[in-house]
C-alpha cells in the first residue's frame, strides 16, 4: 500500500473543508485551535493517507503539500 502524508500551511488555510470532503481515506479534520486569522485549519486525524493529492488539488489557497513515501523495491529471487 502506498503511504503518504500532508503538510498544511496553517496560516493560509481558511478551513473551507473542501479537502475534508475530497479525501477518500477520511483522514482530515479541522483543528480545534485557530490560526492567526481566526480560522480553524485542516490537519491529519489519522495515519491512513495514501498521498492521492485530492486534498491539494481542491484547496483554493494552495495550503496543502502532499508527500508520498517511496515504494520499497521488490526483492528479486535469484535462480541459478
C-alpha atoms as a PDB file:
ATOM      1  CA  UNK A   1       0.000   0.000   0.000  1.00  0.00           C
ATOM      2  CA  UNK A   2       1.280   3.443  -0.866  1.00  0.00           C
ATOM      3  CA  UNK A   3       1.681   5.715   2.130  1.00  0.00           C
ATOM      4  CA  UNK A   4       1.580   9.473   2.191  1.00  0.00           C
ATOM      5  CA  UNK A   5       1.297  12.457   4.430  1.00  0.00           C
ATOM      6  CA  UNK A   6       0.395  16.112   4.107  1.00  0.00           C
ATOM      7  CA  UNK A   7       1.690  19.389   5.423  1.00  0.00           C
ATOM      8  CA  UNK A   8      -0.822  22.211   5.805  1.00  0.00           C
ATOM      9  CA  UNK A   9       0.316  25.825   5.829  1.00  0.00           C
ATOM     10  CA  UNK A  10      -1.841  26.641   8.831  1.00  0.00           C
ATOM     11  CA  UNK A  11      -1.531  30.402   8.394  1.00  0.00           C
ATOM     12  CA  UNK A  12      -3.148  30.466   4.935  1.00  0.00           C
ATOM     13  CA  UNK A  13      -5.758  27.706   5.422  1.00  0.00           C
ATOM     14  CA  UNK A  14      -9.246  29.195   5.818  1.00  0.00           C
ATOM     15  CA  UNK A  15     -10.958  25.999   6.952  1.00  0.00           C
ATOM     16  CA  UNK A  16     -13.242  25.711   3.915  1.00  0.00           C
ATOM     17  CA  UNK A  17     -13.407  21.917   4.396  1.00  0.00           C
ATOM     18  CA  UNK A  18     -13.097  21.148   0.664  1.00  0.00           C
ATOM     19  CA  UNK A  19     -10.082  18.944   1.397  1.00  0.00           C
ATOM     20  CA  UNK A  20     -12.005  17.039   4.054  1.00  0.00           C
ATOM     21  CA  UNK A  21     -14.786  16.284   1.598  1.00  0.00           C
ATOM     22  CA  UNK A  22     -12.325  15.316  -1.170  1.00  0.00           C
ATOM     23  CA  UNK A  23     -10.317  12.860   0.955  1.00  0.00           C
ATOM     24  CA  UNK A  24     -11.285   9.262   0.074  1.00  0.00           C
ATOM     25  CA  UNK A  25      -9.439   7.947   3.156  1.00  0.00           C
ATOM     26  CA  UNK A  26     -11.284  10.237   5.595  1.00  0.00           C
ATOM     27  CA  UNK A  27      -8.011  11.255   7.219  1.00  0.00           C
ATOM     28  CA  UNK A  28      -8.523  15.031   7.519  1.00  0.00           C
ATOM     29  CA  UNK A  29     -10.344  17.158  10.065  1.00  0.00           C
ATOM     30  CA  UNK A  30     -10.475  20.756  11.199  1.00  0.00           C
ATOM     31  CA  UNK A  31      -8.190  21.638  14.087  1.00  0.00           C
ATOM     32  CA  UNK A  32      -9.584  22.605  17.466  1.00  0.00           C
ATOM     33  CA  UNK A  33      -7.256  25.623  17.502  1.00  0.00           C
ATOM     34  CA  UNK A  34      -7.269  28.759  15.360  1.00  0.00           C
ATOM     35  CA  UNK A  35      -4.640  30.301  13.116  1.00  0.00           C
ATOM     36  CA  UNK A  36      -3.628  33.986  13.312  1.00  0.00           C
ATOM     37  CA  UNK A  37      -6.580  34.980  11.115  1.00  0.00           C
ATOM     38  CA  UNK A  38      -9.065  33.184  13.360  1.00  0.00           C
ATOM     39  CA  UNK A  39      -9.751  30.171  11.129  1.00  0.00           C
ATOM     40  CA  UNK A  40      -9.725  26.529  12.099  1.00  0.00           C
ATOM     41  CA  UNK A  41      -7.276  24.821   9.748  1.00  0.00           C
ATOM     42  CA  UNK A  42      -7.132  21.335   8.239  1.00  0.00           C
ATOM     43  CA  UNK A  43      -4.973  18.668   9.838  1.00  0.00           C
ATOM     44  CA  UNK A  44      -4.439  14.905   9.671  1.00  0.00           C
ATOM     45  CA  UNK A  45      -6.648  12.976  12.070  1.00  0.00           C
ATOM     46  CA  UNK A  46      -5.251   9.505  11.379  1.00  0.00           C
ATOM     47  CA  UNK A  47      -2.451   7.759   9.526  1.00  0.00           C
ATOM     48  CA  UNK A  48      -4.392   6.422   6.532  1.00  0.00           C
ATOM     49  CA  UNK A  49      -3.191   8.961   3.950  1.00  0.00           C
ATOM     50  CA  UNK A  50      -2.248   7.360   0.626  1.00  0.00           C
ATOM     51  CA  UNK A  51      -0.883  10.524  -0.960  1.00  0.00           C
ATOM     52  CA  UNK A  52      -3.669  10.690  -3.555  1.00  0.00           C
ATOM     53  CA  UNK A  53      -3.344  14.531  -3.732  1.00  0.00           C
ATOM     54  CA  UNK A  54      -7.121  15.117  -3.919  1.00  0.00           C
ATOM     55  CA  UNK A  55      -6.906  17.489  -0.964  1.00  0.00           C
ATOM     56  CA  UNK A  56      -4.171  19.587  -2.572  1.00  0.00           C
ATOM     57  CA  UNK A  57      -5.997  19.728  -5.903  1.00  0.00           C
ATOM     58  CA  UNK A  58      -9.209  21.131  -4.416  1.00  0.00           C
ATOM     59  CA  UNK A  59      -7.550  23.565  -1.989  1.00  0.00           C
ATOM     60  CA  UNK A  60      -8.349  27.087  -3.265  1.00  0.00           C
ATOM     61  CA  UNK A  61      -5.480  28.594  -1.250  1.00  0.00           C
ATOM     62  CA  UNK A  62      -2.790  26.009  -2.145  1.00  0.00           C
ATOM     63  CA  UNK A  63      -2.258  25.449   1.562  1.00  0.00           C
ATOM     64  CA  UNK A  64      -1.624  21.696   1.314  1.00  0.00           C
ATOM     65  CA  UNK A  65       1.537  19.915   0.225  1.00  0.00           C
ATOM     66  CA  UNK A  66       1.365  16.151  -0.229  1.00  0.00           C
ATOM     67  CA  UNK A  67       4.318  13.819   0.264  1.00  0.00           C
ATOM     68  CA  UNK A  68       4.423  10.179  -0.794  1.00  0.00           C
ATOM     69  CA  UNK A  69       6.778   7.610   0.613  1.00  0.00           C
ATOM     70  CA  UNK A  70       8.912   5.881  -1.966  1.00  0.00           C
ATOM     71  CA  UNK A  71       7.878   2.358  -2.832  1.00  0.00           C
ATOM     72  CA  UNK A  72      10.105  -0.317  -1.412  1.00  0.00           C
ATOM     73  CA  UNK A  73      11.843  -2.257  -4.165  1.00  0.00           C
ATOM     74  CA  UNK A  74      10.629  -5.800  -4.583  1.00  0.00           C
ATOM     75  CA  UNK A  75      13.098  -8.444  -3.654  1.00  0.00           C
ATOM     76  CA  UNK A  76      14.024 -10.484  -6.677  1.00  0.00           C
ATOM     77  CA  UNK A  77      14.626 -14.171  -6.296  1.00  0.00           C
ATOM     78  CA  UNK A  78      17.879 -15.225  -7.873  1.00  0.00           C
ATOM     79  CA  UNK A  79      17.791 -18.570  -9.608  1.00  0.00           C
ATOM     80  CA  UNK A  80      20.953 -20.382 -10.514  1.00  0.00           C
END
